[in-house]
């Protein structure tokens, strides 16, 4: 049995590595990746719209 990974924002379980997106060393689900990140105009990397609180 494989370990589940959880989205850093909403906490949903991600069963497949293909469902995981990494942004600024955090793991996100597809929905949070689409809604909570933007692409930087300068470097082309995905960044959070708002910083995550610890």
C-alpha atoms as a PDB file:
ATOM      1  CA  UNK A   1       0.000   0.000   0.000  1.00  0.00           C
ATOM      2  CA  UNK A   2       1.393   3.430  -0.914  1.00  0.00           C
ATOM      3  CA  UNK A   3       1.373   6.469   1.331  1.00  0.00           C
ATOM      4  CA  UNK A   4      -1.079   9.262   0.632  1.00  0.00           C
ATOM      5  CA  UNK A   5       0.115  12.792   0.011  1.00  0.00           C
ATOM      6  CA  UNK A   6      -2.036  15.721   1.106  1.00  0.00           C
ATOM      7  CA  UNK A   7      -2.578  19.136  -0.470  1.00  0.00           C
ATOM      8  CA  UNK A   8      -0.869  21.861   1.576  1.00  0.00           C
ATOM      9  CA  UNK A   9      -3.831  24.217   1.156  1.00  0.00           C
ATOM     10  CA  UNK A  10      -7.088  22.242   1.317  1.00  0.00           C
ATOM     11  CA  UNK A  11      -5.777  19.005   2.821  1.00  0.00           C
ATOM     12  CA  UNK A  12      -7.362  16.655   0.285  1.00  0.00           C
ATOM     13  CA  UNK A  13      -5.706  13.260  -0.152  1.00  0.00           C
ATOM     14  CA  UNK A  14      -3.728  12.795  -3.366  1.00  0.00           C
ATOM     15  CA  UNK A  15      -3.464   9.107  -4.179  1.00  0.00           C
ATOM     16  CA  UNK A  16      -1.504   9.363  -7.424  1.00  0.00           C
ATOM     17  CA  UNK A  17       1.725  11.277  -8.022  1.00  0.00           C
ATOM     18  CA  UNK A  18       0.166  12.620 -11.245  1.00  0.00           C
ATOM     19  CA  UNK A  19      -2.385  14.497  -9.072  1.00  0.00           C
ATOM     20  CA  UNK A  20       0.392  16.389  -7.234  1.00  0.00           C
ATOM     21  CA  UNK A  21       1.734  19.798  -8.208  1.00  0.00           C
ATOM     22  CA  UNK A  22       4.737  21.327  -6.447  1.00  0.00           C
ATOM     23  CA  UNK A  23       4.885  25.088  -5.925  1.00  0.00           C
ATOM     24  CA  UNK A  24       7.483  26.734  -3.681  1.00  0.00           C
ATOM     25  CA  UNK A  25       8.230  23.334  -2.063  1.00  0.00           C
ATOM     26  CA  UNK A  26       4.549  22.743  -1.207  1.00  0.00           C
ATOM     27  CA  UNK A  27       2.363  19.989  -2.679  1.00  0.00           C
ATOM     28  CA  UNK A  28      -0.975  21.076  -4.170  1.00  0.00           C
ATOM     29  CA  UNK A  29      -3.995  19.394  -5.731  1.00  0.00           C
ATOM     30  CA  UNK A  30      -5.147  20.422  -9.230  1.00  0.00           C
ATOM     31  CA  UNK A  31      -7.888  22.737  -7.925  1.00  0.00           C
ATOM     32  CA  UNK A  32      -5.594  24.658  -5.545  1.00  0.00           C
ATOM     33  CA  UNK A  33      -2.860  24.767  -8.201  1.00  0.00           C
ATOM     34  CA  UNK A  34      -5.314  26.344 -10.650  1.00  0.00           C
ATOM     35  CA  UNK A  35      -6.935  28.741  -8.150  1.00  0.00           C
ATOM     36  CA  UNK A  36      -4.137  29.720  -5.755  1.00  0.00           C
ATOM     37  CA  UNK A  37      -1.103  30.181  -8.025  1.00  0.00           C
ATOM     38  CA  UNK A  38      -0.013  32.477 -10.852  1.00  0.00           C
ATOM     39  CA  UNK A  39       2.803  32.304 -13.384  1.00  0.00           C
ATOM     40  CA  UNK A  40       5.578  34.851 -12.795  1.00  0.00           C
ATOM     41  CA  UNK A  41       6.031  37.175 -15.782  1.00  0.00           C
ATOM     42  CA  UNK A  42       9.800  37.266 -15.224  1.00  0.00           C
ATOM     43  CA  UNK A  43      10.819  33.669 -14.525  1.00  0.00           C
ATOM     44  CA  UNK A  44       7.838  31.627 -15.750  1.00  0.00           C
ATOM     45  CA  UNK A  45       7.529  29.700 -12.445  1.00  0.00           C
ATOM     46  CA  UNK A  46       4.254  29.124 -10.613  1.00  0.00           C
ATOM     47  CA  UNK A  47       4.025  31.217  -7.420  1.00  0.00           C
ATOM     48  CA  UNK A  48       1.357  31.541  -4.757  1.00  0.00           C
ATOM     49  CA  UNK A  49      -1.107  34.426  -5.101  1.00  0.00           C
ATOM     50  CA  UNK A  50      -0.859  34.895  -1.333  1.00  0.00           C
ATOM     51  CA  UNK A  51       1.887  33.540   0.936  1.00  0.00           C
ATOM     52  CA  UNK A  52       1.011  30.423   2.943  1.00  0.00           C
ATOM     53  CA  UNK A  53       0.989  30.982   6.680  1.00  0.00           C
ATOM     54  CA  UNK A  54       3.092  28.606   8.789  1.00  0.00           C
END
